[in-house]
């Protein structure tokens, strides 16, 4: 039975061991565990969005595929010890619901458990230095026009002068 995420928070439990890794990584990134997992959820949902501006390195795409190939529940990998949550308002409940339905994820809690598994496996690879950017992984940068940049800076300065000088 498929249940849509309700509210703007999704909660689930993780083991103390998993929580230590999440908290350690969040502290190193100067983020909250909730904010970090929300970003991971957005990345995981973004793996399905073709042409949405998300660029997912191939190695992270393979991790996402492995996590999403699991049929049924991942509850056996978790213990009911520490509560974690993500905010759905940055991703969008509709996008999460469509993602869950596409991949056969039955509940919002199960979705969050998949996010945690995705994040923990990706973190492990990144710390082992196995995830490196290839040339194709970087988005192409447009060369900035220095005249346009200078013009923009002058506009900002003129605006500030006109605002603060009566």
C-alpha atoms as a PDB file:
ATOM      1  CA  UNK A   1       0.000   0.000   0.000  1.00  0.00           C
ATOM      2  CA  UNK A   2       1.419   3.370  -1.065  1.00  0.00           C
ATOM      3  CA  UNK A   3       1.115   6.269   1.413  1.00  0.00           C
ATOM      4  CA  UNK A   4       1.915   9.830   0.353  1.00  0.00           C
ATOM      5  CA  UNK A   5       4.144  11.909   2.654  1.00  0.00           C
ATOM      6  CA  UNK A   6       2.027  14.167   4.849  1.00  0.00           C
ATOM      7  CA  UNK A   7       3.211  17.343   6.520  1.00  0.00           C
ATOM      8  CA  UNK A   8       6.547  18.927   5.872  1.00  0.00           C
ATOM      9  CA  UNK A   9       8.673  16.588   8.012  1.00  0.00           C
ATOM     10  CA  UNK A  10       9.418  12.912   7.453  1.00  0.00           C
ATOM     11  CA  UNK A  11      10.793  10.963  10.420  1.00  0.00           C
ATOM     12  CA  UNK A  12      12.389   7.567  10.866  1.00  0.00           C
ATOM     13  CA  UNK A  13      14.701   5.849  13.295  1.00  0.00           C
ATOM     14  CA  UNK A  14      18.329   4.875  12.773  1.00  0.00           C
ATOM     15  CA  UNK A  15      20.728   2.907  14.941  1.00  0.00           C
ATOM     16  CA  UNK A  16      23.120   4.687  17.291  1.00  0.00           C
ATOM     17  CA  UNK A  17      25.972   3.536  15.047  1.00  0.00           C
ATOM     18  CA  UNK A  18      24.381   5.069  11.929  1.00  0.00           C
ATOM     19  CA  UNK A  19      23.563   8.245  13.821  1.00  0.00           C
ATOM     20  CA  UNK A  20      27.193   8.693  14.866  1.00  0.00           C
ATOM     21  CA  UNK A  21      28.257   8.683  11.201  1.00  0.00           C
ATOM     22  CA  UNK A  22      25.476  11.097  10.254  1.00  0.00           C
ATOM     23  CA  UNK A  23      26.225  13.492  13.109  1.00  0.00           C
ATOM     24  CA  UNK A  24      29.991  13.334  12.495  1.00  0.00           C
ATOM     25  CA  UNK A  25      29.577  14.162   8.812  1.00  0.00           C
ATOM     26  CA  UNK A  26      27.059  16.924   9.505  1.00  0.00           C
ATOM     27  CA  UNK A  27      29.377  18.530  12.050  1.00  0.00           C
ATOM     28  CA  UNK A  28      32.293  18.381   9.598  1.00  0.00           C
ATOM     29  CA  UNK A  29      30.120  20.132   6.994  1.00  0.00           C
ATOM     30  CA  UNK A  30      28.775  22.625   9.572  1.00  0.00           C
ATOM     31  CA  UNK A  31      25.239  21.443   8.943  1.00  0.00           C
ATOM     32  CA  UNK A  32      22.472  19.878  10.971  1.00  0.00           C
ATOM     33  CA  UNK A  33      21.722  16.202  10.452  1.00  0.00           C
ATOM     34  CA  UNK A  34      18.266  17.209   9.205  1.00  0.00           C
ATOM     35  CA  UNK A  35      19.664  19.685   6.684  1.00  0.00           C
ATOM     36  CA  UNK A  36      22.262  17.234   5.447  1.00  0.00           C
ATOM     37  CA  UNK A  37      19.714  14.433   4.987  1.00  0.00           C
ATOM     38  CA  UNK A  38      17.317  16.830   3.272  1.00  0.00           C
ATOM     39  CA  UNK A  39      20.080  17.679   0.800  1.00  0.00           C
ATOM     40  CA  UNK A  40      20.768  13.952   0.300  1.00  0.00           C
ATOM     41  CA  UNK A  41      17.049  13.342  -0.294  1.00  0.00           C
ATOM     42  CA  UNK A  42      16.972  16.131  -2.845  1.00  0.00           C
ATOM     43  CA  UNK A  43      19.978  14.585  -4.574  1.00  0.00           C
ATOM     44  CA  UNK A  44      18.370  11.134  -4.579  1.00  0.00           C
ATOM     45  CA  UNK A  45      15.086  12.469  -5.986  1.00  0.00           C
ATOM     46  CA  UNK A  46      17.126  14.491  -8.493  1.00  0.00           C
ATOM     47  CA  UNK A  47      18.606  11.304  -9.952  1.00  0.00           C
ATOM     48  CA  UNK A  48      15.245  10.797 -11.704  1.00  0.00           C
ATOM     49  CA  UNK A  49      14.828  14.358 -12.971  1.00  0.00           C
ATOM     50  CA  UNK A  50      16.107  14.489 -16.533  1.00  0.00           C
ATOM     51  CA  UNK A  51      17.068  17.983 -17.638  1.00  0.00           C
ATOM     52  CA  UNK A  52      16.267  19.558 -14.280  1.00  0.00           C
ATOM     53  CA  UNK A  53      19.666  21.093 -13.754  1.00  0.00           C
ATOM     54  CA  UNK A  54      20.827  18.351 -11.401  1.00  0.00           C
ATOM     55  CA  UNK A  55      24.100  16.772 -12.328  1.00  0.00           C
ATOM     56  CA  UNK A  56      24.791  13.517 -10.542  1.00  0.00           C
ATOM     57  CA  UNK A  57      28.252  11.921 -10.901  1.00  0.00           C
ATOM     58  CA  UNK A  58      28.010   8.437 -12.376  1.00  0.00           C
ATOM     59  CA  UNK A  59      29.365   6.730  -9.231  1.00  0.00           C
ATOM     60  CA  UNK A  60      26.644   8.339  -7.089  1.00  0.00           C
ATOM     61  CA  UNK A  61      24.070   7.327  -9.689  1.00  0.00           C
ATOM     62  CA  UNK A  62      25.165   3.704  -9.298  1.00  0.00           C
ATOM     63  CA  UNK A  63      24.783   3.970  -5.505  1.00  0.00           C
ATOM     64  CA  UNK A  64      21.280   5.402  -5.947  1.00  0.00           C
ATOM     65  CA  UNK A  65      20.395   2.542  -8.299  1.00  0.00           C
ATOM     66  CA  UNK A  66      21.574  -0.055  -5.761  1.00  0.00           C
ATOM     67  CA  UNK A  67      19.572   1.561  -2.961  1.00  0.00           C
ATOM     68  CA  UNK A  68      16.466   1.787  -5.138  1.00  0.00           C
ATOM     69  CA  UNK A  69      16.748  -1.820  -6.393  1.00  0.00           C
ATOM     70  CA  UNK A  70      15.887  -3.131  -2.916  1.00  0.00           C
ATOM     71  CA  UNK A  71      12.376  -4.575  -2.994  1.00  0.00           C
ATOM     72  CA  UNK A  72      10.170  -4.328   0.037  1.00  0.00           C
ATOM     73  CA  UNK A  73      11.389  -2.771   3.246  1.00  0.00           C
ATOM     74  CA  UNK A  74      14.878  -1.889   4.456  1.00  0.00           C
ATOM     75  CA  UNK A  75      13.723  -1.999   8.066  1.00  0.00           C
ATOM     76  CA  UNK A  76      16.101  -4.882   8.861  1.00  0.00           C
ATOM     77  CA  UNK A  77      19.060  -2.486   8.396  1.00  0.00           C
ATOM     78  CA  UNK A  78      17.807  -0.072  11.065  1.00  0.00           C
ATOM     79  CA  UNK A  79      17.280  -0.045  14.838  1.00  0.00           C
ATOM     80  CA  UNK A  80      14.787   2.102  16.696  1.00  0.00           C
ATOM     81  CA  UNK A  81      17.375   4.141  18.625  1.00  0.00           C
ATOM     82  CA  UNK A  82      17.742   7.709  17.229  1.00  0.00           C
ATOM     83  CA  UNK A  83      15.106   9.758  15.453  1.00  0.00           C
ATOM     84  CA  UNK A  84      16.128  11.583  12.251  1.00  0.00           C
ATOM     85  CA  UNK A  85      14.032  13.684   9.908  1.00  0.00           C
ATOM     86  CA  UNK A  86      14.036  15.657   6.665  1.00  0.00           C
ATOM     87  CA  UNK A  87      12.021  18.631   5.493  1.00  0.00           C
ATOM     88  CA  UNK A  88       9.866  18.066   2.420  1.00  0.00           C
ATOM     89  CA  UNK A  89       9.191  21.730   1.663  1.00  0.00           C
ATOM     90  CA  UNK A  90      12.476  22.231  -0.227  1.00  0.00           C
ATOM     91  CA  UNK A  91      12.016  19.112  -2.349  1.00  0.00           C
ATOM     92  CA  UNK A  92       8.246  19.139  -2.662  1.00  0.00           C
ATOM     93  CA  UNK A  93       5.826  16.505  -1.389  1.00  0.00           C
ATOM     94  CA  UNK A  94       4.556  15.894  -4.918  1.00  0.00           C
ATOM     95  CA  UNK A  95       8.052  15.169  -6.248  1.00  0.00           C
ATOM     96  CA  UNK A  96       8.728  12.833  -3.332  1.00  0.00           C
ATOM     97  CA  UNK A  97       5.389  11.060  -3.846  1.00  0.00           C
ATOM     98  CA  UNK A  98       6.061  10.629  -7.590  1.00  0.00           C
ATOM     99  CA  UNK A  99       9.563   9.300  -6.819  1.00  0.00           C
ATOM    100  CA  UNK A 100       8.216   6.879  -4.218  1.00  0.00           C
ATOM    101  CA  UNK A 101       5.524   5.593  -6.556  1.00  0.00           C
ATOM    102  CA  UNK A 102       7.978   5.145  -9.440  1.00  0.00           C
ATOM    103  CA  UNK A 103      10.370   3.094  -7.305  1.00  0.00           C
ATOM    104  CA  UNK A 104       7.777   1.139  -5.335  1.00  0.00           C
ATOM    105  CA  UNK A 105       8.586   2.732  -1.982  1.00  0.00           C
ATOM    106  CA  UNK A 106       5.533   2.159   0.208  1.00  0.00           C
ATOM    107  CA  UNK A 107       5.905   4.821   2.905  1.00  0.00           C
ATOM    108  CA  UNK A 108       7.589   8.108   3.701  1.00  0.00           C
ATOM    109  CA  UNK A 109       9.572   6.413   6.488  1.00  0.00           C
ATOM    110  CA  UNK A 110      10.863   3.857   3.997  1.00  0.00           C
ATOM    111  CA  UNK A 111      11.813   6.713   1.642  1.00  0.00           C
ATOM    112  CA  UNK A 112      13.863   8.319   4.410  1.00  0.00           C
ATOM    113  CA  UNK A 113      15.534   4.993   5.228  1.00  0.00           C
ATOM    114  CA  UNK A 114      16.569   4.751   1.560  1.00  0.00           C
ATOM    115  CA  UNK A 115      17.958   8.291   1.779  1.00  0.00           C
ATOM    116  CA  UNK A 116      19.994   7.326   4.855  1.00  0.00           C
ATOM    117  CA  UNK A 117      21.351   4.203   3.126  1.00  0.00           C
ATOM    118  CA  UNK A 118      22.203   6.260   0.030  1.00  0.00           C
ATOM    119  CA  UNK A 119      23.977   8.875   2.108  1.00  0.00           C
ATOM    120  CA  UNK A 120      25.938   6.416   4.242  1.00  0.00           C
ATOM    121  CA  UNK A 121      27.151   4.468   1.223  1.00  0.00           C
ATOM    122  CA  UNK A 122      28.059   7.651  -0.669  1.00  0.00           C
ATOM    123  CA  UNK A 123      29.890   9.019   2.381  1.00  0.00           C
ATOM    124  CA  UNK A 124      31.914   5.828   2.649  1.00  0.00           C
ATOM    125  CA  UNK A 125      33.002   6.059  -0.998  1.00  0.00           C
ATOM    126  CA  UNK A 126      33.824   9.742  -0.763  1.00  0.00           C
ATOM    127  CA  UNK A 127      35.980   9.236   2.328  1.00  0.00           C
ATOM    128  CA  UNK A 128      37.813   6.381   0.608  1.00  0.00           C
ATOM    129  CA  UNK A 129      38.514   8.800  -2.264  1.00  0.00           C
ATOM    130  CA  UNK A 130      36.748   6.538  -4.764  1.00  0.00           C
ATOM    131  CA  UNK A 131      34.440   9.296  -5.928  1.00  0.00           C
ATOM    132  CA  UNK A 132      36.424  11.672  -8.042  1.00  0.00           C
ATOM    133  CA  UNK A 133      35.097  14.131 -10.548  1.00  0.00           C
ATOM    134  CA  UNK A 134      35.570  13.209 -14.165  1.00  0.00           C
ATOM    135  CA  UNK A 135      35.708  15.833 -16.900  1.00  0.00           C
ATOM    136  CA  UNK A 136      32.118  14.969 -17.803  1.00  0.00           C
ATOM    137  CA  UNK A 137      30.926  15.436 -14.208  1.00  0.00           C
ATOM    138  CA  UNK A 138      31.558  19.174 -14.139  1.00  0.00           C
ATOM    139  CA  UNK A 139      28.953  21.413 -15.719  1.00  0.00           C
ATOM    140  CA  UNK A 140      30.271  23.547 -18.531  1.00  0.00           C
ATOM    141  CA  UNK A 141      30.907  27.080 -17.375  1.00  0.00           C
ATOM    142  CA  UNK A 142      30.034  30.008 -19.515  1.00  0.00           C
ATOM    143  CA  UNK A 143      32.771  32.564 -19.821  1.00  0.00           C
ATOM    144  CA  UNK A 144      31.736  35.731 -18.018  1.00  0.00           C
ATOM    145  CA  UNK A 145      31.842  38.977 -19.895  1.00  0.00           C
ATOM    146  CA  UNK A 146      33.974  41.341 -17.806  1.00  0.00           C
ATOM    147  CA  UNK A 147      32.233  44.414 -19.257  1.00  0.00           C
ATOM    148  CA  UNK A 148      28.850  43.054 -18.195  1.00  0.00           C
ATOM    149  CA  UNK A 149      30.240  42.281 -14.735  1.00  0.00           C
ATOM    150  CA  UNK A 150      31.687  45.787 -14.367  1.00  0.00           C
ATOM    151  CA  UNK A 151      28.418  47.338 -15.550  1.00  0.00           C
ATOM    152  CA  UNK A 152      26.531  45.289 -12.946  1.00  0.00           C
ATOM    153  CA  UNK A 153      28.937  46.420 -10.210  1.00  0.00           C
ATOM    154  CA  UNK A 154      28.508  50.076 -11.233  1.00  0.00           C
ATOM    155  CA  UNK A 155      24.728  49.673 -11.137  1.00  0.00           C
ATOM    156  CA  UNK A 156      24.891  48.298  -7.591  1.00  0.00           C
ATOM    157  CA  UNK A 157      27.202  51.104  -6.477  1.00  0.00           C
ATOM    158  CA  UNK A 158      24.999  53.790  -8.063  1.00  0.00           C
ATOM    159  CA  UNK A 159      21.923  52.300  -6.430  1.00  0.00           C
ATOM    160  CA  UNK A 160      23.621  52.297  -3.009  1.00  0.00           C
ATOM    161  CA  UNK A 161      24.764  55.901  -3.451  1.00  0.00           C
ATOM    162  CA  UNK A 162      21.317  57.066  -4.503  1.00  0.00           C
ATOM    163  CA  UNK A 163      19.680  55.191  -1.611  1.00  0.00           C
ATOM    164  CA  UNK A 164      21.920  56.463   1.168  1.00  0.00           C
ATOM    165  CA  UNK A 165      22.699  59.982  -0.067  1.00  0.00           C
ATOM    166  CA  UNK A 166      19.775  62.350   0.148  1.00  0.00           C
END
